[in-house]
Structure formats: C-alpha cells, structure tokens
Amino acid sequence: MMDGKRRKPPQHPSPQGQHLATISHEGRFWEIYLEFDDDPRWPETYRARLCFAAADMDEGDEPVHTTVVIIEESYEEACRKARSFEEFQLQGFLRSALP
C-alpha cells in the first residue's frame, strides 16, 4: 500500500569518464566508461582504467574498476586505444575486475 510519498530511485555512484560501450556478460548489461588517472609521477602520459557499471545495479552495488590498463602519450591516443577493444576483450577486463 502506498503511503502517499513518492519513493526515490536508489542512488548509485555515478561513473566518471567517457562512455565507451555497453556489453552483455552473464545475463547482465554493463556500461563501460574510460576514467583517467591523474598521476603526478607521470605527467607526460595519459593513464586510464575501465569502469564497469551494471545497468541493473541494486542499492549498495558499486561499479567495478580495472587497474590502469591504458598508458598513452596523448588523450586522443588513450581514447582511440580504449575504443579499439573488441567486445570479448572488454568482457575479459570485466571478468578480471569482478570479485
């Protein structure tokens, strides 16, 4: 029974970064984002990781991240590298990041 109050949808951590793709893995859809890592020890490189957010995240679920998997000399090269991954490669990265 409704008590007259509108329920808010659950709030999930919002991935930061550029959306790369949506893939399916083990019956779920995953949004993939490219997130850059600002490392002052390597200011001349663009270092990035992949962030995977399940499209059907439940309350308490959080996106999962890879370690830094892209290191390039320019932002554009890093984005190009990330967009060159094929679906099976992205699924492999996701499997490696899941608990």
PDB file of N, CA and C in Angstrom:
ATOM      1  N   MET A   1       0.837  -1.175   0.000  1.00  0.00           N
ATOM      2  CA  MET A   1       0.000   0.000   0.000  1.00  0.00           C
ATOM      3  C   MET A   1       0.887   1.246   0.000  1.00  0.00           C
ATOM      4  N   MET A   2       0.546   2.191  -0.801  1.00  0.00           N
ATOM      5  CA  MET A   2       1.307   3.432  -0.902  1.00  0.00           C
ATOM      6  C   MET A   2       0.926   4.352   0.248  1.00  0.00           C
ATOM      7  N   ASP A   3       1.898   5.047   0.804  1.00  0.00           N
ATOM      8  CA  ASP A   3       1.628   5.960   1.903  1.00  0.00           C
ATOM      9  C   ASP A   3       1.529   7.407   1.422  1.00  0.00           C
ATOM     10  N   GLY A   4       1.446   7.600   0.144  1.00  0.00           N
ATOM     11  CA  GLY A   4       1.329   8.935  -0.416  1.00  0.00           C
ATOM     12  C   GLY A   4       2.656   9.591  -0.726  1.00  0.00           C
ATOM     13  N   LYS A   5       3.747   8.991  -0.273  1.00  0.00           N
ATOM     14  CA  LYS A   5       5.070   9.539  -0.534  1.00  0.00           C
ATOM     15  C   LYS A   5       5.660   8.849  -1.754  1.00  0.00           C
ATOM     16  N   ARG A   6       6.302   9.626  -2.571  1.00  0.00           N
ATOM     17  CA  ARG A   6       6.968   9.058  -3.745  1.00  0.00           C
ATOM     18  C   ARG A   6       8.315   8.505  -3.325  1.00  0.00           C
ATOM     19  N   ARG A   7       8.584   7.307  -3.763  1.00  0.00           N
ATOM     20  CA  ARG A   7       9.888   6.711  -3.472  1.00  0.00           C
ATOM     21  C   ARG A   7      10.900   7.208  -4.488  1.00  0.00           C
ATOM     22  N   LYS A   8      12.077   7.546  -3.994  1.00  0.00           N
ATOM     23  CA  LYS A   8      13.157   7.953  -4.881  1.00  0.00           C
ATOM     24  C   LYS A   8      13.829   6.704  -5.424  1.00  0.00           C
ATOM     25  N   PRO A   9      14.267   6.736  -6.684  1.00  0.00           N
ATOM     26  CA  PRO A   9      15.042   5.608  -7.172  1.00  0.00           C
ATOM     27  C   PRO A   9      16.345   5.526  -6.392  1.00  0.00           C
ATOM     28  N   PRO A  10      16.902   4.301  -6.232  1.00  0.00           N
ATOM     29  CA  PRO A  10      18.158   4.193  -5.484  1.00  0.00           C
ATOM     30  C   PRO A  10      19.250   5.021  -6.137  1.00  0.00           C
ATOM     31  N   GLN A  11      20.071   5.645  -5.314  1.00  0.00           N
ATOM     32  CA  GLN A  11      21.185   6.437  -5.806  1.00  0.00           C
ATOM     33  C   GLN A  11      22.421   5.553  -5.899  1.00  0.00           C
ATOM     34  N   HIS A  12      23.040   5.520  -7.032  1.00  0.00           N
ATOM     35  CA  HIS A  12      24.238   4.726  -7.239  1.00  0.00           C
ATOM     36  C   HIS A  12      25.403   5.653  -7.529  1.00  0.00           C
ATOM     37  N   PRO A  13      26.598   5.225  -7.182  1.00  0.00           N
ATOM     38  CA  PRO A  13      27.760   6.032  -7.549  1.00  0.00           C
ATOM     39  C   PRO A  13      27.773   6.223  -9.063  1.00  0.00           C
ATOM     40  N   SER A  14      27.940   7.422  -9.491  1.00  0.00           N
ATOM     41  CA  SER A  14      27.954   7.709 -10.921  1.00  0.00           C
ATOM     42  C   SER A  14      29.376   7.604 -11.457  1.00  0.00           C
ATOM     43  N   PRO A  15      29.588   6.742 -12.437  1.00  0.00           N
ATOM     44  CA  PRO A  15      30.932   6.651 -13.015  1.00  0.00           C
ATOM     45  C   PRO A  15      31.349   7.990 -13.609  1.00  0.00           C
ATOM     46  N   GLN A  16      32.594   8.290 -13.452  1.00  0.00           N
ATOM     47  CA  GLN A  16      33.155   9.499 -14.031  1.00  0.00           C
ATOM     48  C   GLN A  16      33.933   9.084 -15.268  1.00  0.00           C
ATOM     49  N   GLY A  17      33.741   9.739 -16.344  1.00  0.00           N
ATOM     50  CA  GLY A  17      34.514   9.409 -17.522  1.00  0.00           C
ATOM     51  C   GLY A  17      33.673   9.335 -18.777  1.00  0.00           C
ATOM     52  N   GLN A  18      34.346   8.943 -19.812  1.00  0.00           N
ATOM     53  CA  GLN A  18      33.756   8.889 -21.140  1.00  0.00           C
ATOM     54  C   GLN A  18      33.134   7.518 -21.384  1.00  0.00           C
ATOM     55  N   HIS A  19      31.860   7.498 -21.793  1.00  0.00           N
ATOM     56  CA  HIS A  19      31.186   6.231 -22.079  1.00  0.00           C
ATOM     57  C   HIS A  19      31.805   5.592 -23.317  1.00  0.00           C
ATOM     58  N   LEU A  20      32.174   4.310 -23.198  1.00  0.00           N
ATOM     59  CA  LEU A  20      32.785   3.601 -24.319  1.00  0.00           C
ATOM     60  C   LEU A  20      31.828   2.653 -25.015  1.00  0.00           C
ATOM     61  N   ALA A  21      31.105   1.856 -24.224  1.00  0.00           N
ATOM     62  CA  ALA A  21      30.293   0.802 -24.828  1.00  0.00           C
ATOM     63  C   ALA A  21      29.333   0.233 -23.794  1.00  0.00           C
ATOM     64  N   THR A  22      28.434  -0.596 -24.281  1.00  0.00           N
ATOM     65  CA  THR A  22      27.564  -1.404 -23.441  1.00  0.00           C
ATOM     66  C   THR A  22      27.762  -2.840 -23.886  1.00  0.00           C
ATOM     67  N   ILE A  23      28.015  -3.723 -22.913  1.00  0.00           N
ATOM     68  CA  ILE A  23      28.204  -5.134 -23.251  1.00  0.00           C
ATOM     69  C   ILE A  23      27.289  -5.982 -22.381  1.00  0.00           C
ATOM     70  N   SER A  24      27.131  -7.227 -22.786  1.00  0.00           N
ATOM     71  CA  SER A  24      26.378  -8.199 -22.019  1.00  0.00           C
ATOM     72  C   SER A  24      27.366  -9.209 -21.452  1.00  0.00           C
ATOM     73  N   HIS A  25      27.161  -9.553 -20.174  1.00  0.00           N
ATOM     74  CA  HIS A  25      28.016 -10.556 -19.538  1.00  0.00           C
ATOM     75  C   HIS A  25      27.207 -11.271 -18.467  1.00  0.00           C
ATOM     76  N   GLU A  26      27.115 -12.580 -18.582  1.00  0.00           N
ATOM     77  CA  GLU A  26      26.402 -13.431 -17.634  1.00  0.00           C
ATOM     78  C   GLU A  26      25.001 -12.906 -17.317  1.00  0.00           C
ATOM     79  N   GLY A  27      24.268 -12.562 -18.360  1.00  0.00           N
ATOM     80  CA  GLY A  27      22.873 -12.160 -18.209  1.00  0.00           C
ATOM     81  C   GLY A  27      22.636 -10.733 -17.760  1.00  0.00           C
ATOM     82  N   ARG A  28      23.674  -9.939 -17.661  1.00  0.00           N
ATOM     83  CA  ARG A  28      23.525  -8.541 -17.268  1.00  0.00           C
ATOM     84  C   ARG A  28      24.133  -7.641 -18.330  1.00  0.00           C
ATOM     85  N   PHE A  29      23.614  -6.431 -18.417  1.00  0.00           N
ATOM     86  CA  PHE A  29      24.202  -5.430 -19.290  1.00  0.00           C
ATOM     87  C   PHE A  29      25.098  -4.536 -18.455  1.00  0.00           C
ATOM     88  N   TRP A  30      26.253  -4.193 -19.021  1.00  0.00           N
ATOM     89  CA  TRP A  30      27.246  -3.376 -18.332  1.00  0.00           C
ATOM     90  C   TRP A  30      27.605  -2.174 -19.189  1.00  0.00           C
ATOM     91  N   GLU A  31      27.559  -0.995 -18.579  1.00  0.00           N
ATOM     92  CA  GLU A  31      28.021   0.228 -19.226  1.00  0.00           C
ATOM     93  C   GLU A  31      29.506   0.352 -18.914  1.00  0.00           C
ATOM     94  N   ILE A  32      30.297   0.706 -19.917  1.00  0.00           N
ATOM     95  CA  ILE A  32      31.739   0.802 -19.734  1.00  0.00           C
ATOM     96  C   ILE A  32      32.174   2.251 -19.960  1.00  0.00           C
ATOM     97  N   TYR A  33      32.986   2.737 -19.021  1.00  0.00           N
ATOM     98  CA  TYR A  33      33.478   4.101 -19.068  1.00  0.00           C
ATOM     99  C   TYR A  33      35.001   4.095 -19.012  1.00  0.00           C
ATOM    100  N   LEU A  34      35.595   5.076 -19.639  1.00  0.00           N
ATOM    101  CA  LEU A  34      37.034   5.290 -19.583  1.00  0.00           C
ATOM    102  C   LEU A  34      37.287   6.388 -18.567  1.00  0.00           C
ATOM    103  N   GLU A  35      38.033   6.054 -17.501  1.00  0.00           N
ATOM    104  CA  GLU A  35      38.330   7.013 -16.448  1.00  0.00           C
ATOM    105  C   GLU A  35      39.834   7.255 -16.392  1.00  0.00           C
ATOM    106  N   PHE A  36      40.205   8.516 -16.463  1.00  0.00           N
ATOM    107  CA  PHE A  36      41.625   8.859 -16.450  1.00  0.00           C
ATOM    108  C   PHE A  36      42.133   8.984 -15.023  1.00  0.00           C
ATOM    109  N   ASP A  37      43.371   8.557 -14.847  1.00  0.00           N
ATOM    110  CA  ASP A  37      44.043   8.569 -13.559  1.00  0.00           C
ATOM    111  C   ASP A  37      45.095   9.668 -13.588  1.00  0.00           C
ATOM    112  N   ASP A  38      44.940  10.645 -12.732  1.00  0.00           N
ATOM    113  CA  ASP A  38      45.885  11.760 -12.682  1.00  0.00           C
ATOM    114  C   ASP A  38      47.028  11.378 -11.748  1.00  0.00           C
ATOM    115  N   ASP A  39      48.143  10.977 -12.312  1.00  0.00           N
ATOM    116  CA  ASP A  39      49.289  10.545 -11.525  1.00  0.00           C
ATOM    117  C   ASP A  39      50.415  11.561 -11.705  1.00  0.00           C
ATOM    118  N   PRO A  40      50.711  12.340 -10.661  1.00  0.00           N
ATOM    119  CA  PRO A  40      51.735  13.375 -10.792  1.00  0.00           C
ATOM    120  C   PRO A  40      53.132  12.829 -11.076  1.00  0.00           C
ATOM    121  N   ARG A  41      53.345  11.543 -10.823  1.00  0.00           N
ATOM    122  CA  ARG A  41      54.658  10.957 -11.123  1.00  0.00           C
ATOM    123  C   ARG A  41      54.853  10.772 -12.625  1.00  0.00           C
ATOM    124  N   TRP A  42      53.772  10.767 -13.377  1.00  0.00           N
ATOM    125  CA  TRP A  42      53.833  10.545 -14.827  1.00  0.00           C
ATOM    126  C   TRP A  42      53.044  11.632 -15.560  1.00  0.00           C
ATOM    127  N   PRO A  43      53.406  12.894 -15.423  1.00  0.00           N
ATOM    128  CA  PRO A  43      52.606  13.968 -16.024  1.00  0.00           C
ATOM    129  C   PRO A  43      52.621  13.969 -17.547  1.00  0.00           C
ATOM    130  N   GLU A  44      53.583  13.302 -18.156  1.00  0.00           N
ATOM    131  CA  GLU A  44      53.669  13.320 -19.623  1.00  0.00           C
ATOM    132  C   GLU A  44      52.873  12.188 -20.272  1.00  0.00           C
ATOM    133  N   THR A  45      52.157  11.389 -19.468  1.00  0.00           N
ATOM    134  CA  THR A  45      51.363  10.298 -20.033  1.00  0.00           C
ATOM    135  C   THR A  45      49.901  10.421 -19.614  1.00  0.00           C
ATOM    136  N   TYR A  46      49.052   9.802 -20.403  1.00  0.00           N
ATOM    137  CA  TYR A  46      47.627   9.726 -20.111  1.00  0.00           C
ATOM    138  C   TYR A  46      47.331   8.284 -19.725  1.00  0.00           C
ATOM    139  N   ARG A  47      47.005   8.098 -18.439  1.00  0.00           N
ATOM    140  CA  ARG A  47      46.784   6.779 -17.875  1.00  0.00           C
ATOM    141  C   ARG A  47      45.295   6.625 -17.585  1.00  0.00           C
ATOM    142  N   ALA A  48      44.717   5.490 -17.986  1.00  0.00           N
ATOM    143  CA  ALA A  48      43.275   5.321 -17.795  1.00  0.00           C
ATOM    144  C   ALA A  48      42.937   3.888 -17.403  1.00  0.00           C
ATOM    145  N   ARG A  49      41.816   3.785 -16.731  1.00  0.00           N
ATOM    146  CA  ARG A  49      41.264   2.488 -16.324  1.00  0.00           C
ATOM    147  C   ARG A  49      39.861   2.374 -16.905  1.00  0.00           C
ATOM    148  N   LEU A  50      39.318   1.167 -16.866  1.00  0.00           N
ATOM    149  CA  LEU A  50      37.948   0.942 -17.312  1.00  0.00           C
ATOM    150  C   LEU A  50      37.054   0.809 -16.092  1.00  0.00           C
ATOM    151  N   CYS A  51      35.890   1.419 -16.167  1.00  0.00           N
ATOM    152  CA  CYS A  51      34.882   1.339 -15.106  1.00  0.00           C
ATOM    153  C   CYS A  51      33.668   0.633 -15.692  1.00  0.00           C
ATOM    154  N   PHE A  52      33.173  -0.382 -14.986  1.00  0.00           N
ATOM    155  CA  PHE A  52      32.015  -1.159 -15.419  1.00  0.00           C
ATOM    156  C   PHE A  52      30.874  -0.947 -14.436  1.00  0.00           C
ATOM    157  N   ALA A  53      29.746  -0.457 -14.928  1.00  0.00           N
ATOM    158  CA  ALA A  53      28.564  -0.231 -14.091  1.00  0.00           C
ATOM    159  C   ALA A  53      27.421  -1.072 -14.645  1.00  0.00           C
ATOM    160  N   ALA A  54      26.886  -1.960 -13.801  1.00  0.00           N
ATOM    161  CA  ALA A  54      25.760  -2.795 -14.232  1.00  0.00           C
ATOM    162  C   ALA A  54      24.544  -1.913 -14.454  1.00  0.00           C
ATOM    163  N   ALA A  55      23.843  -2.152 -15.545  1.00  0.00           N
ATOM    164  CA  ALA A  55      22.667  -1.354 -15.866  1.00  0.00           C
ATOM    165  C   ALA A  55      21.554  -1.571 -14.843  1.00  0.00           C
ATOM    166  N   ASP A  56      21.555  -2.726 -14.175  1.00  0.00           N
ATOM    167  CA  ASP A  56      20.504  -3.051 -13.205  1.00  0.00           C
ATOM    168  C   ASP A  56      21.032  -3.073 -11.776  1.00  0.00           C
ATOM    169  N   MET A  57      21.927  -2.140 -11.455  1.00  0.00           N
ATOM    170  CA  MET A  57      22.533  -2.138 -10.124  1.00  0.00           C
ATOM    171  C   MET A  57      21.474  -2.024  -9.042  1.00  0.00           C
ATOM    172  N   ASP A  58      21.630  -2.835  -8.008  1.00  0.00           N
ATOM    173  CA  ASP A  58      20.768  -2.761  -6.830  1.00  0.00           C
ATOM    174  C   ASP A  58      21.384  -1.783  -5.839  1.00  0.00           C
ATOM    175  N   GLU A  59      20.585  -1.375  -4.872  1.00  0.00           N
ATOM    176  CA  GLU A  59      21.098  -0.485  -3.840  1.00  0.00           C
ATOM    177  C   GLU A  59      22.277  -1.161  -3.151  1.00  0.00           C
ATOM    178  N   GLY A  60      23.339  -0.442  -2.987  1.00  0.00           N
ATOM    179  CA  GLY A  60      24.541  -0.991  -2.375  1.00  0.00           C
ATOM    180  C   GLY A  60      25.560  -1.495  -3.380  1.00  0.00           C
ATOM    181  N   ASP A  61      25.132  -1.756  -4.617  1.00  0.00           N
ATOM    182  CA  ASP A  61      26.073  -2.163  -5.658  1.00  0.00           C
ATOM    183  C   ASP A  61      26.913  -0.959  -6.068  1.00  0.00           C
ATOM    184  N   GLU A  62      28.140  -1.223  -6.431  1.00  0.00           N
ATOM    185  CA  GLU A  62      29.016  -0.166  -6.921  1.00  0.00           C
ATOM    186  C   GLU A  62      29.668  -0.613  -8.216  1.00  0.00           C
ATOM    187  N   PRO A  63      30.064   0.339  -9.054  1.00  0.00           N
ATOM    188  CA  PRO A  63      30.795  -0.030 -10.269  1.00  0.00           C
ATOM    189  C   PRO A  63      32.109  -0.721  -9.892  1.00  0.00           C
ATOM    190  N   VAL A  64      32.623  -1.517 -10.819  1.00  0.00           N
ATOM    191  CA  VAL A  64      33.924  -2.150 -10.612  1.00  0.00           C
ATOM    192  C   VAL A  64      34.911  -1.539 -11.599  1.00  0.00           C
ATOM    193  N   HIS A  65      36.189  -1.533 -11.209  1.00  0.00           N
ATOM    194  CA  HIS A  65      37.233  -0.880 -11.998  1.00  0.00           C
ATOM    195  C   HIS A  65      38.396  -1.826 -12.248  1.00  0.00           C
ATOM    196  N   THR A  66      39.016  -1.648 -13.374  1.00  0.00           N
ATOM    197  CA  THR A  66      40.285  -2.315 -13.624  1.00  0.00           C
ATOM    198  C   THR A  66      41.385  -1.456 -13.010  1.00  0.00           C
ATOM    199  N   THR A  67      42.578  -1.964 -13.011  1.00  0.00           N
ATOM    200  CA  THR A  67      43.726  -1.131 -12.704  1.00  0.00           C
ATOM    201  C   THR A  67      43.988  -0.288 -13.960  1.00  0.00           C
ATOM    202  N   VAL A  68      44.980   0.538 -13.956  1.00  0.00           N
ATOM    203  CA  VAL A  68      45.321   1.304 -15.160  1.00  0.00           C
ATOM    204  C   VAL A  68      45.714   0.308 -16.252  1.00  0.00           C
ATOM    205  N   VAL A  69      44.992   0.352 -17.370  1.00  0.00           N
ATOM    206  CA  VAL A  69      45.260  -0.578 -18.477  1.00  0.00           C
ATOM    207  C   VAL A  69      45.659   0.147 -19.759  1.00  0.00           C
ATOM    208  N   ILE A  70      45.570   1.464 -19.741  1.00  0.00           N
ATOM    209  CA  ILE A  70      45.932   2.260 -20.922  1.00  0.00           C
ATOM    210  C   ILE A  70      46.916   3.335 -20.500  1.00  0.00           C
ATOM    211  N   ILE A  71      48.042   3.382 -21.192  1.00  0.00           N
ATOM    212  CA  ILE A  71      49.039   4.427 -20.969  1.00  0.00           C
ATOM    213  C   ILE A  71      49.473   4.915 -22.338  1.00  0.00           C
ATOM    214  N   GLU A  72      49.133   6.152 -22.644  1.00  0.00           N
ATOM    215  CA  GLU A  72      49.446   6.724 -23.955  1.00  0.00           C
ATOM    216  C   GLU A  72      50.018   8.129 -23.783  1.00  0.00           C
ATOM    217  N   GLU A  73      50.576   8.661 -24.849  1.00  0.00           N
ATOM    218  CA  GLU A  73      51.198   9.977 -24.802  1.00  0.00           C
ATOM    219  C   GLU A  73      50.226  11.129 -24.994  1.00  0.00           C
ATOM    220  N   SER A  74      49.005  10.841 -25.435  1.00  0.00           N
ATOM    221  CA  SER A  74      48.012  11.905 -25.592  1.00  0.00           C
ATOM    222  C   SER A  74      46.629  11.380 -25.205  1.00  0.00           C
ATOM    223  N   TYR A  75      45.771  12.314 -24.882  1.00  0.00           N
ATOM    224  CA  TYR A  75      44.387  11.980 -24.540  1.00  0.00           C
ATOM    225  C   TYR A  75      43.712  11.259 -25.705  1.00  0.00           C
ATOM    226  N   GLU A  76      43.925  11.780 -26.903  1.00  0.00           N
ATOM    227  CA  GLU A  76      43.300  11.201 -28.090  1.00  0.00           C
ATOM    228  C   GLU A  76      43.766   9.763 -28.325  1.00  0.00           C
ATOM    229  N   GLU A  77      45.064   9.503 -28.137  1.00  0.00           N
ATOM    230  CA  GLU A  77      45.584   8.150 -28.309  1.00  0.00           C
ATOM    231  C   GLU A  77      44.996   7.197 -27.267  1.00  0.00           C
ATOM    232  N   ALA A  78      44.841   7.685 -26.054  1.00  0.00           N
ATOM    233  CA  ALA A  78      44.257   6.849 -24.999  1.00  0.00           C
ATOM    234  C   ALA A  78      42.807   6.502 -25.333  1.00  0.00           C
ATOM    235  N   CYS A  79      42.041   7.484 -25.803  1.00  0.00           N
ATOM    236  CA  CYS A  79      40.648   7.229 -26.193  1.00  0.00           C
ATOM    237  C   CYS A  79      40.582   6.270 -27.379  1.00  0.00           C
ATOM    238  N   ARG A  80      41.461   6.468 -28.346  1.00  0.00           N
ATOM    239  CA  ARG A  80      41.486   5.600 -29.523  1.00  0.00           C
ATOM    240  C   ARG A  80      41.801   4.153 -29.118  1.00  0.00           C
ATOM    241  N   LYS A  81      42.751   3.994 -28.217  1.00  0.00           N
ATOM    242  CA  LYS A  81      43.121   2.665 -27.730  1.00  0.00           C
ATOM    243  C   LYS A  81      41.926   2.002 -27.045  1.00  0.00           C
ATOM    244  N   ALA A  82      41.243   2.740 -26.175  1.00  0.00           N
ATOM    245  CA  ALA A  82      40.089   2.195 -25.459  1.00  0.00           C
ATOM    246  C   ALA A  82      38.980   1.794 -26.433  1.00  0.00           C
ATOM    247  N   ARG A  83      38.747   2.616 -27.449  1.00  0.00           N
ATOM    248  CA  ARG A  83      37.689   2.309 -28.419  1.00  0.00           C
ATOM    249  C   ARG A  83      38.072   1.155 -29.351  1.00  0.00           C
ATOM    250  N   SER A  84      39.354   0.791 -29.367  1.00  0.00           N
ATOM    251  CA  SER A  84      39.781  -0.307 -30.243  1.00  0.00           C
ATOM    252  C   SER A  84      39.538  -1.682 -29.626  1.00  0.00           C
ATOM    253  N   PHE A  85      39.238  -1.733 -28.318  1.00  0.00           N
ATOM    254  CA  PHE A  85      38.977  -3.028 -27.691  1.00  0.00           C
ATOM    255  C   PHE A  85      37.714  -3.651 -28.264  1.00  0.00           C
ATOM    256  N   GLU A  86      37.794  -4.945 -28.530  1.00  0.00           N
ATOM    257  CA  GLU A  86      36.625  -5.677 -29.021  1.00  0.00           C
ATOM    258  C   GLU A  86      35.808  -6.171 -27.831  1.00  0.00           C
ATOM    259  N   GLU A  87      34.574  -6.578 -28.096  1.00  0.00           N
ATOM    260  CA  GLU A  87      33.675  -6.974 -27.015  1.00  0.00           C
ATOM    261  C   GLU A  87      34.273  -8.090 -26.158  1.00  0.00           C
ATOM    262  N   PHE A  88      34.892  -9.092 -26.767  1.00  0.00           N
ATOM    263  CA  PHE A  88      35.444 -10.186 -25.971  1.00  0.00           C
ATOM    264  C   PHE A  88      36.576  -9.696 -25.067  1.00  0.00           C
ATOM    265  N   GLN A  89      37.315  -8.680 -25.504  1.00  0.00           N
ATOM    266  CA  GLN A  89      38.368  -8.118 -24.660  1.00  0.00           C
ATOM    267  C   GLN A  89      37.763  -7.361 -23.474  1.00  0.00           C
ATOM    268  N   LEU A  90      36.708  -6.597 -23.741  1.00  0.00           N
ATOM    269  CA  LEU A  90      36.038  -5.867 -22.675  1.00  0.00           C
ATOM    270  C   LEU A  90      35.429  -6.838 -21.660  1.00  0.00           C
ATOM    271  N   GLN A  91      34.865  -7.947 -22.146  1.00  0.00           N
ATOM    272  CA  GLN A  91      34.331  -8.954 -21.237  1.00  0.00           C
ATOM    273  C   GLN A  91      35.447  -9.548 -20.372  1.00  0.00           C
ATOM    274  N   GLY A  92      36.618  -9.754 -20.951  1.00  0.00           N
ATOM    275  CA  GLY A  92      37.757 -10.253 -20.192  1.00  0.00           C
ATOM    276  C   GLY A  92      38.188  -9.274 -19.114  1.00  0.00           C
ATOM    277  N   PHE A  93      38.214  -7.976 -19.440  1.00  0.00           N
ATOM    278  CA  PHE A  93      38.539  -6.963 -18.431  1.00  0.00           C
ATOM    279  C   PHE A  93      37.501  -6.982 -17.304  1.00  0.00           C
ATOM    280  N   LEU A  94      36.229  -7.114 -17.676  1.00  0.00           N
ATOM    281  CA  LEU A  94      35.167  -7.164 -16.667  1.00  0.00           C
ATOM    282  C   LEU A  94      35.346  -8.371 -15.760  1.00  0.00           C
ATOM    283  N   ARG A  95      35.579  -9.533 -16.341  1.00  0.00           N
ATOM    284  CA  ARG A  95      35.798 -10.743 -15.526  1.00  0.00           C
ATOM    285  C   ARG A  95      36.955 -10.550 -14.558  1.00  0.00           C
ATOM    286  N   SER A  96      38.005  -9.879 -15.004  1.00  0.00           N
ATOM    287  CA  SER A  96      39.166  -9.681 -14.136  1.00  0.00           C
ATOM    288  C   SER A  96      38.886  -8.702 -13.004  1.00  0.00           C
ATOM    289  N   ALA A  97      37.885  -7.837 -13.168  1.00  0.00           N
ATOM    290  CA  ALA A  97      37.570  -6.832 -12.154  1.00  0.00           C
ATOM    291  C   ALA A  97      36.508  -7.289 -11.168  1.00  0.00           C
ATOM    292  N   LEU A  98      35.716  -8.286 -11.564  1.00  0.00           N
ATOM    293  CA  LEU A  98      34.658  -8.759 -10.675  1.00  0.00           C
ATOM    294  C   LEU A  98      35.230  -9.543  -9.508  1.00  0.00           C
ATOM    295  N   PRO A  99      34.577  -9.459  -8.348  1.00  0.00           N
ATOM    296  CA  PRO A  99      35.064 -10.220  -7.181  1.00  0.00           C
ATOM    297  C   PRO A  99      34.918 -11.720  -7.392  1.00  0.00           C
TER     298      PRO A  99
END
